[in-house]
Amino acid sequence: MIRNIKTWVDANRDKVRKNNRAHYARNKKSIARKTDAYRRKNISKARENYRRYYAANRHKIRDWRYGTGANEHYVTQIKIQKHKCAICRKPFKVTPDFDHDHLRNQWRGVLCHSCNKALGLFTDNVRTVQRAVEYLRFWRKHVRRLSSKR
């Protein structure tokens, strides 16, 4: 019996998908409630499932989030950058972040988490980053002068 059902499902894959999508559209709220309740009840299992799914499908997720070809660009950039952050030049210890321009939705390079976070906090504003550099240079000179006077 089960073998016959599996054979039918395999032979009618498009029909099954169409039916599943229609069922989901009709019962979206109910399914969401049940899913949410399951996740709350089984939080560690749900997290583990998410981690496993994300690890296995990272390349698909990257293309889905940033557009077709994004994962290929990501992999190429890692090779071009010799497995180092484009800003601090330190080797990647964990999976690097995919840097992109939020306004233009354009891909850029691959960064360590700290550098990517810093750019985000500067809201990708070049003038603000330049002022931060000027600030650091000013205080580096000022501290040297103060320490040399002692």
N, C-alpha and C. Protein backbone atom coordinates (compact mmCIF):
# COMPACT_ATOMS: atom_id res chain seq x y z
N MET A 1 0.83 -1.20 0.00
CA MET A 1 0.00 0.00 0.00
C MET A 1 0.86 1.25 0.00
N ILE A 2 1.82 1.33 0.97
CA ILE A 2 2.69 2.51 1.06
C ILE A 2 3.55 2.62 -0.19
N ARG A 3 4.02 1.50 -0.71
CA ARG A 3 4.83 1.52 -1.92
C ARG A 3 4.03 2.10 -3.09
N ASN A 4 2.74 1.75 -3.17
CA ASN A 4 1.88 2.28 -4.23
C ASN A 4 1.71 3.79 -4.09
N ILE A 5 1.55 4.28 -2.87
CA ILE A 5 1.39 5.71 -2.63
C ILE A 5 2.66 6.45 -3.03
N LYS A 6 3.82 5.93 -2.63
CA LYS A 6 5.09 6.55 -2.98
C LYS A 6 5.28 6.58 -4.50
N THR A 7 4.91 5.51 -5.16
CA THR A 7 5.02 5.45 -6.62
C THR A 7 4.12 6.50 -7.26
N TRP A 8 2.89 6.62 -6.75
CA TRP A 8 1.95 7.61 -7.29
C TRP A 8 2.47 9.03 -7.05
N VAL A 9 2.97 9.30 -5.86
CA VAL A 9 3.50 10.63 -5.53
C VAL A 9 4.67 10.97 -6.44
N ASP A 10 5.58 10.02 -6.63
CA ASP A 10 6.72 10.25 -7.51
C ASP A 10 6.28 10.53 -8.94
N ALA A 11 5.26 9.84 -9.39
CA ALA A 11 4.76 10.01 -10.76
C ALA A 11 3.97 11.30 -10.93
N ASN A 12 3.43 11.83 -9.84
CA ASN A 12 2.58 13.03 -9.91
C ASN A 12 3.13 14.17 -9.06
N ARG A 13 4.42 14.35 -9.08
CA ARG A 13 5.09 15.34 -8.24
C ARG A 13 4.50 16.74 -8.40
N ASP A 14 4.25 17.19 -9.63
CA ASP A 14 3.71 18.53 -9.87
C ASP A 14 2.30 18.68 -9.28
N LYS A 15 1.49 17.66 -9.45
CA LYS A 15 0.12 17.68 -8.92
C LYS A 15 0.14 17.76 -7.39
N VAL A 16 1.04 17.01 -6.77
CA VAL A 16 1.17 17.00 -5.31
C VAL A 16 1.62 18.38 -4.81
N ARG A 17 2.61 18.97 -5.48
CA ARG A 17 3.09 20.31 -5.08
C ARG A 17 1.98 21.34 -5.19
N LYS A 18 1.24 21.29 -6.28
CA LYS A 18 0.15 22.23 -6.50
C LYS A 18 -0.90 22.09 -5.40
N ASN A 19 -1.22 20.86 -5.06
CA ASN A 19 -2.20 20.58 -4.01
C ASN A 19 -1.69 21.05 -2.65
N ASN A 20 -0.40 20.81 -2.37
CA ASN A 20 0.19 21.25 -1.10
C ASN A 20 0.17 22.78 -0.98
N ARG A 21 0.50 23.47 -2.07
CA ARG A 21 0.48 24.93 -2.05
C ARG A 21 -0.93 25.47 -1.82
N ALA A 22 -1.90 24.85 -2.45
CA ALA A 22 -3.29 25.27 -2.28
C ALA A 22 -3.74 25.03 -0.83
N HIS A 23 -3.37 23.88 -0.28
CA HIS A 23 -3.71 23.57 1.11
C HIS A 23 -3.08 24.59 2.05
N TYR A 24 -1.81 24.93 1.82
CA TYR A 24 -1.12 25.91 2.67
C TYR A 24 -1.79 27.28 2.57
N ALA A 25 -2.15 27.68 1.35
CA ALA A 25 -2.80 28.99 1.16
C ALA A 25 -4.13 29.06 1.91
N ARG A 26 -4.88 27.96 1.92
CA ARG A 26 -6.17 27.93 2.61
C ARG A 26 -6.01 27.91 4.13
N ASN A 27 -4.94 27.30 4.61
CA ASN A 27 -4.78 27.07 6.05
C ASN A 27 -3.54 27.73 6.65
N LYS A 28 -3.12 28.83 6.07
CA LYS A 28 -1.88 29.49 6.46
C LYS A 28 -1.82 29.83 7.96
N LYS A 29 -2.88 30.44 8.47
CA LYS A 29 -2.88 30.87 9.88
C LYS A 29 -2.84 29.67 10.83
N SER A 30 -3.61 28.66 10.53
CA SER A 30 -3.66 27.47 11.36
C SER A 30 -2.30 26.76 11.37
N ILE A 31 -1.69 26.64 10.20
CA ILE A 31 -0.38 26.00 10.09
C ILE A 31 0.66 26.81 10.86
N ALA A 32 0.61 28.15 10.73
CA ALA A 32 1.55 29.02 11.44
C ALA A 32 1.42 28.86 12.95
N ARG A 33 0.17 28.80 13.44
CA ARG A 33 -0.06 28.62 14.89
C ARG A 33 0.52 27.29 15.37
N LYS A 34 0.25 26.23 14.63
CA LYS A 34 0.74 24.90 15.02
C LYS A 34 2.27 24.85 14.98
N THR A 35 2.86 25.46 13.96
CA THR A 35 4.31 25.49 13.83
C THR A 35 4.93 26.27 14.99
N ASP A 36 4.34 27.41 15.30
CA ASP A 36 4.82 28.25 16.40
C ASP A 36 4.72 27.50 17.73
N ALA A 37 3.61 26.83 17.95
CA ALA A 37 3.42 26.07 19.19
C ALA A 37 4.45 24.94 19.30
N TYR A 38 4.71 24.25 18.19
CA TYR A 38 5.70 23.18 18.18
C TYR A 38 7.08 23.73 18.51
N ARG A 39 7.44 24.85 17.87
CA ARG A 39 8.76 25.44 18.11
C ARG A 39 8.93 25.86 19.56
N ARG A 40 7.89 26.45 20.16
CA ARG A 40 7.97 26.86 21.56
C ARG A 40 8.12 25.65 22.48
N LYS A 41 7.40 24.59 22.17
CA LYS A 41 7.43 23.38 22.99
C LYS A 41 8.76 22.63 22.83
N ASN A 42 9.33 22.66 21.63
CA ASN A 42 10.55 21.91 21.31
C ASN A 42 11.65 22.86 20.84
N ILE A 43 11.94 23.87 21.63
CA ILE A 43 12.83 24.94 21.20
C ILE A 43 14.23 24.45 20.82
N SER A 44 14.81 23.57 21.61
CA SER A 44 16.17 23.10 21.29
C SER A 44 16.18 22.25 20.02
N LYS A 45 15.15 21.45 19.83
CA LYS A 45 15.05 20.63 18.62
C LYS A 45 14.83 21.52 17.39
N ALA A 46 13.99 22.54 17.54
CA ALA A 46 13.73 23.47 16.44
C ALA A 46 15.00 24.23 16.06
N ARG A 47 15.77 24.66 17.06
CA ARG A 47 17.04 25.35 16.78
C ARG A 47 18.02 24.44 16.07
N GLU A 48 18.10 23.21 16.53
CA GLU A 48 19.01 22.25 15.91
C GLU A 48 18.59 21.98 14.46
N ASN A 49 17.29 21.83 14.23
CA ASN A 49 16.79 21.62 12.86
C ASN A 49 17.16 22.80 11.97
N TYR A 50 17.00 24.03 12.51
CA TYR A 50 17.34 25.23 11.73
C TYR A 50 18.84 25.25 11.42
N ARG A 51 19.67 24.97 12.42
CA ARG A 51 21.12 24.97 12.20
C ARG A 51 21.52 23.95 11.13
N ARG A 52 20.93 22.75 11.24
CA ARG A 52 21.23 21.70 10.26
C ARG A 52 20.79 22.11 8.86
N TYR A 53 19.58 22.67 8.75
CA TYR A 53 19.06 23.10 7.45
C TYR A 53 19.94 24.22 6.88
N TYR A 54 20.29 25.19 7.73
CA TYR A 54 21.09 26.32 7.26
C TYR A 54 22.47 25.86 6.80
N ALA A 55 23.08 24.95 7.55
CA ALA A 55 24.41 24.45 7.19
C ALA A 55 24.37 23.70 5.87
N ALA A 56 23.32 22.92 5.65
CA ALA A 56 23.22 22.13 4.42
C ALA A 56 22.80 22.97 3.21
N ASN A 57 22.12 24.09 3.44
CA ASN A 57 21.57 24.87 2.33
C ASN A 57 22.07 26.31 2.28
N ARG A 58 23.22 26.56 2.90
CA ARG A 58 23.76 27.92 2.98
C ARG A 58 23.85 28.57 1.60
N HIS A 59 24.32 27.82 0.61
CA HIS A 59 24.47 28.36 -0.74
C HIS A 59 23.12 28.75 -1.36
N LYS A 60 22.09 27.95 -1.13
CA LYS A 60 20.76 28.26 -1.65
C LYS A 60 20.18 29.50 -0.96
N ILE A 61 20.39 29.57 0.35
CA ILE A 61 19.88 30.70 1.13
C ILE A 61 20.53 31.99 0.67
N ARG A 62 21.85 31.95 0.41
CA ARG A 62 22.57 33.14 -0.05
C ARG A 62 22.01 33.61 -1.39
N ASP A 63 21.77 32.70 -2.31
CA ASP A 63 21.19 33.07 -3.61
C ASP A 63 19.77 33.61 -3.44
N TRP A 64 19.01 33.01 -2.52
CA TRP A 64 17.63 33.47 -2.28
C TRP A 64 17.63 34.88 -1.70
N ARG A 65 18.52 35.14 -0.73
CA ARG A 65 18.56 36.46 -0.08
C ARG A 65 19.09 37.56 -0.99
N TYR A 66 20.18 37.28 -1.69
CA TYR A 66 20.89 38.32 -2.42
C TYR A 66 20.77 38.25 -3.93
N GLY A 67 20.09 37.23 -4.43
CA GLY A 67 19.88 37.11 -5.88
C GLY A 67 20.72 36.00 -6.50
N THR A 68 20.29 35.55 -7.65
CA THR A 68 20.96 34.46 -8.35
C THR A 68 22.40 34.84 -8.64
N GLY A 69 23.30 33.92 -8.35
CA GLY A 69 24.72 34.15 -8.59
C GLY A 69 25.47 34.69 -7.38
N ALA A 70 24.74 35.02 -6.33
CA ALA A 70 25.38 35.59 -5.13
C ALA A 70 26.34 34.59 -4.49
N ASN A 71 25.95 33.34 -4.40
CA ASN A 71 26.82 32.35 -3.77
C ASN A 71 28.09 32.15 -4.57
N GLU A 72 27.96 32.15 -5.89
CA GLU A 72 29.15 32.01 -6.75
C GLU A 72 30.10 33.19 -6.53
N HIS A 73 29.54 34.40 -6.44
CA HIS A 73 30.34 35.60 -6.17
C HIS A 73 31.02 35.47 -4.80
N TYR A 74 30.30 35.00 -3.81
CA TYR A 74 30.81 34.81 -2.45
C TYR A 74 32.02 33.88 -2.45
N VAL A 75 31.87 32.73 -3.09
CA VAL A 75 32.95 31.74 -3.14
C VAL A 75 34.15 32.31 -3.89
N THR A 76 33.91 32.99 -5.00
CA THR A 76 34.98 33.60 -5.79
C THR A 76 35.71 34.66 -4.98
N GLN A 77 34.97 35.51 -4.25
CA GLN A 77 35.58 36.56 -3.44
C GLN A 77 36.47 35.98 -2.35
N ILE A 78 36.04 34.89 -1.74
CA ILE A 78 36.86 34.25 -0.70
C ILE A 78 38.20 33.84 -1.30
N LYS A 79 38.16 33.27 -2.50
CA LYS A 79 39.41 32.85 -3.17
C LYS A 79 40.26 34.06 -3.54
N ILE A 80 39.64 35.09 -4.12
CA ILE A 80 40.36 36.30 -4.52
C ILE A 80 41.03 36.95 -3.30
N GLN A 81 40.30 36.99 -2.19
CA GLN A 81 40.80 37.61 -0.96
C GLN A 81 41.72 36.68 -0.17
N LYS A 82 42.02 35.51 -0.71
CA LYS A 82 42.91 34.53 -0.08
C LYS A 82 42.47 34.17 1.34
N HIS A 83 41.16 33.97 1.49
CA HIS A 83 40.55 33.56 2.76
C HIS A 83 40.84 34.55 3.89
N LYS A 84 40.92 35.85 3.55
CA LYS A 84 41.15 36.90 4.54
C LYS A 84 40.10 37.98 4.38
N CYS A 85 39.81 38.68 5.47
CA CYS A 85 38.85 39.78 5.47
C CYS A 85 39.37 40.90 4.57
N ALA A 86 38.49 41.50 3.78
CA ALA A 86 38.88 42.57 2.85
C ALA A 86 39.29 43.84 3.58
N ILE A 87 38.91 44.01 4.84
CA ILE A 87 39.23 45.23 5.58
C ILE A 87 40.41 45.02 6.53
N CYS A 88 40.28 44.10 7.48
CA CYS A 88 41.34 43.92 8.49
C CYS A 88 42.44 42.96 8.04
N ARG A 89 42.19 42.23 6.97
CA ARG A 89 43.14 41.28 6.38
C ARG A 89 43.47 40.07 7.26
N LYS A 90 42.68 39.85 8.30
CA LYS A 90 42.89 38.70 9.16
C LYS A 90 42.25 37.47 8.51
N PRO A 91 42.87 36.28 8.68
CA PRO A 91 42.26 35.07 8.12
C PRO A 91 40.92 34.78 8.80
N PHE A 92 40.00 34.21 8.05
CA PHE A 92 38.69 33.87 8.60
C PHE A 92 38.82 32.69 9.56
N LYS A 93 38.25 32.83 10.76
CA LYS A 93 38.23 31.73 11.73
C LYS A 93 36.90 31.00 11.66
N VAL A 94 35.86 31.74 11.32
CA VAL A 94 34.52 31.16 11.16
C VAL A 94 34.00 31.57 9.78
N THR A 95 32.81 31.12 9.43
CA THR A 95 32.23 31.46 8.13
C THR A 95 32.14 32.96 7.98
N PRO A 96 32.75 33.52 6.93
CA PRO A 96 32.74 34.97 6.75
C PRO A 96 31.37 35.51 6.35
N ASP A 97 31.19 36.81 6.58
CA ASP A 97 29.94 37.49 6.23
C ASP A 97 30.01 37.98 4.79
N PHE A 98 28.87 37.99 4.15
CA PHE A 98 28.75 38.45 2.77
C PHE A 98 28.34 39.91 2.79
N ASP A 99 29.27 40.79 2.46
CA ASP A 99 28.99 42.22 2.51
C ASP A 99 28.25 42.66 1.25
N HIS A 100 27.22 43.48 1.44
CA HIS A 100 26.46 43.99 0.30
C HIS A 100 25.92 45.38 0.62
N ASP A 101 25.70 46.14 -0.43
CA ASP A 101 25.17 47.50 -0.31
C ASP A 101 23.65 47.40 -0.18
N HIS A 102 23.12 47.84 0.94
CA HIS A 102 21.68 47.73 1.19
C HIS A 102 20.87 48.65 0.28
N LEU A 103 21.41 49.81 -0.05
CA LEU A 103 20.66 50.76 -0.88
C LEU A 103 20.59 50.31 -2.34
N ARG A 104 21.72 49.89 -2.86
CA ARG A 104 21.77 49.49 -4.28
C ARG A 104 21.57 47.99 -4.47
N ASN A 105 21.52 47.26 -3.36
CA ASN A 105 21.39 45.80 -3.38
C ASN A 105 22.49 45.18 -4.26
N GLN A 106 23.70 45.67 -4.08
CA GLN A 106 24.85 45.20 -4.85
C GLN A 106 25.79 44.42 -3.95
N TRP A 107 26.37 43.36 -4.48
CA TRP A 107 27.31 42.57 -3.71
C TRP A 107 28.65 43.29 -3.67
N ARG A 108 29.35 43.10 -2.56
CA ARG A 108 30.69 43.66 -2.46
C ARG A 108 31.64 42.51 -2.14
N GLY A 109 32.36 42.60 -1.07
CA GLY A 109 33.34 41.56 -0.74
C GLY A 109 32.87 40.66 0.38
N VAL A 110 33.84 39.98 0.97
CA VAL A 110 33.59 39.07 2.07
C VAL A 110 34.38 39.59 3.26
N LEU A 111 33.71 39.74 4.39
CA LEU A 111 34.31 40.34 5.57
C LEU A 111 34.17 39.44 6.78
N CYS A 112 35.05 39.68 7.76
CA CYS A 112 34.86 39.01 9.06
C CYS A 112 33.65 39.67 9.72
N HIS A 113 33.10 39.01 10.70
CA HIS A 113 31.89 39.52 11.33
C HIS A 113 32.10 40.90 11.95
N SER A 114 33.25 41.11 12.59
CA SER A 114 33.52 42.40 13.24
C SER A 114 33.53 43.55 12.24
N CYS A 115 34.23 43.38 11.13
CA CYS A 115 34.31 44.45 10.12
C CYS A 115 32.95 44.69 9.46
N ASN A 116 32.22 43.62 9.21
CA ASN A 116 30.90 43.77 8.61
C ASN A 116 29.96 44.51 9.56
N LYS A 117 30.04 44.18 10.83
CA LYS A 117 29.22 44.85 11.85
C LYS A 117 29.59 46.33 11.94
N ALA A 118 30.90 46.63 11.89
CA ALA A 118 31.36 48.02 11.96
C ALA A 118 30.81 48.83 10.78
N LEU A 119 30.88 48.27 9.58
CA LEU A 119 30.33 48.97 8.41
C LEU A 119 28.85 49.22 8.59
N GLY A 120 28.16 48.24 9.11
CA GLY A 120 26.72 48.39 9.36
C GLY A 120 26.42 49.48 10.36
N LEU A 121 27.24 49.55 11.42
CA LEU A 121 27.04 50.59 12.43
C LEU A 121 27.36 51.98 11.88
N PHE A 122 28.26 52.04 10.90
CA PHE A 122 28.55 53.32 10.23
C PHE A 122 27.55 53.59 9.11
N THR A 123 26.57 52.73 8.97
CA THR A 123 25.51 52.81 7.94
C THR A 123 26.07 53.03 6.54
N ASP A 124 27.20 52.38 6.26
CA ASP A 124 27.85 52.44 4.94
C ASP A 124 28.13 53.88 4.49
N ASN A 125 28.28 54.79 5.45
CA ASN A 125 28.49 56.20 5.14
C ASN A 125 30.00 56.48 5.09
N VAL A 126 30.52 56.73 3.90
CA VAL A 126 31.96 56.93 3.71
C VAL A 126 32.46 58.11 4.53
N ARG A 127 31.71 59.21 4.55
CA ARG A 127 32.12 60.40 5.28
C ARG A 127 32.25 60.10 6.79
N THR A 128 31.33 59.34 7.32
CA THR A 128 31.40 58.98 8.74
C THR A 128 32.62 58.12 9.03
N VAL A 129 32.91 57.19 8.14
CA VAL A 129 34.10 56.33 8.31
C VAL A 129 35.36 57.19 8.25
N GLN A 130 35.41 58.16 7.31
CA GLN A 130 36.57 59.06 7.22
C GLN A 130 36.75 59.88 8.50
N ARG A 131 35.64 60.35 9.05
CA ARG A 131 35.73 61.10 10.31
C ARG A 131 36.22 60.20 11.44
N ALA A 132 35.82 58.96 11.43
CA ALA A 132 36.29 58.02 12.46
C ALA A 132 37.80 57.81 12.33
N VAL A 133 38.29 57.71 11.10
CA VAL A 133 39.74 57.57 10.86
C VAL A 133 40.47 58.81 11.34
N GLU A 134 39.95 59.99 11.00
CA GLU A 134 40.55 61.25 11.45
C GLU A 134 40.58 61.31 12.99
N TYR A 135 39.52 60.90 13.61
CA TYR A 135 39.42 60.88 15.07
C TYR A 135 40.51 59.98 15.67
N LEU A 136 40.64 58.78 15.12
CA LEU A 136 41.65 57.85 15.63
C LEU A 136 43.06 58.40 15.44
N ARG A 137 43.33 58.99 14.27
CA ARG A 137 44.65 59.57 14.01
C ARG A 137 44.95 60.73 14.96
N PHE A 138 43.94 61.58 15.18
CA PHE A 138 44.11 62.71 16.09
C PHE A 138 44.50 62.22 17.48
N TRP A 139 43.76 61.27 18.00
CA TRP A 139 44.02 60.80 19.35
C TRP A 139 45.30 59.98 19.45
N ARG A 140 45.68 59.31 18.38
CA ARG A 140 46.95 58.58 18.39
C ARG A 140 48.10 59.57 18.56
N LYS A 141 48.07 60.69 17.78
CA LYS A 141 49.10 61.72 17.90
C LYS A 141 49.05 62.39 19.27
N HIS A 142 47.84 62.70 19.71
CA HIS A 142 47.66 63.39 20.99
C HIS A 142 48.18 62.54 22.15
N VAL A 143 47.89 61.26 22.14
CA VAL A 143 48.33 60.36 23.20
C VAL A 143 49.86 60.24 23.18
N ARG A 144 50.45 60.19 21.98
CA ARG A 144 51.92 60.12 21.86
C ARG A 144 52.55 61.37 22.47
N ARG A 145 51.97 62.54 22.18
CA ARG A 145 52.51 63.79 22.73
C ARG A 145 52.41 63.79 24.26
N LEU A 146 51.25 63.35 24.75
CA LEU A 146 51.06 63.32 26.20
C LEU A 146 52.03 62.35 26.87
N SER A 147 52.22 61.19 26.27
CA SER A 147 53.09 60.18 26.88
C SER A 147 54.56 60.58 26.76
N SER A 148 54.95 61.34 25.74
CA SER A 148 56.35 61.77 25.58
C SER A 148 56.70 62.91 26.55
N LYS A 149 55.68 63.64 27.05
CA LYS A 149 55.92 64.75 27.98
C LYS A 149 56.17 64.25 29.40
N ARG A 150 55.83 63.04 29.67
CA ARG A 150 55.98 62.50 31.03
C ARG A 150 57.38 62.19 31.37
